[in-house]
Amino acid sequence: MKVVIELQDGREIRIELYEDIAPITVKHFLKLVDQNYYENVVFHRVIANFMIQAGGYAIKDGTLVETANADSIKGEFSSNGVKNDLKHTPGVISMARTNVNDSASSQFFICSAESPHLDGKYAAFGKVIDEESLNVVLSISFVETSNFYGILPNFPVEPVVIKTIKRM
């Protein structure tokens, strides 16, 4: 299964999802994709040489708002009792969560660098499928960021907005 993240500026990130590695996560992510959940969502946490994260905030009528609550799912990673050998390498997509293992809901991140400290602790569930997509991830990871009103550190000064995510 493949999806494409279409950015408002016309760039795309094409991703292959691995149902055989993280079936619960892929099913949940695709449900949100099919519901157009990610329309106008921003990459709200961007850290150079680490990752870009989205799914928690969107721009509605020119204002940054939190996204609607989505159901939480079981964390599919080894420290939570689930076999998942997908390493957090550049281009890998994974679910963000709180300190609670089964708290992933709508937020995801895409690695822009090797991040072995995340292996076995977060549900990796896919990877970008081409160099062009990886280059988009890398370029986003190096945008200028600031602390947005003291609540969102690492927020891009110029918002990076997802127009939509859809199945390919």
Foldseek 3Di string as FASTA:
>chain_A
DKKWFAWPVGAIFIKDWACVQPVFVVVQQQVCQVVQQQAQWWQQAAAAQWKTKIFQWGADPNDIDGGDWFDWAAFQFVVSPHDHQDFQAAFWKWFDADPDRRGGGGMMIGTLHGDRVCHRRIGTTIGGDDPSNSVVGNVRNPADFACPVVPGGRGHPPITTGNGMHGD
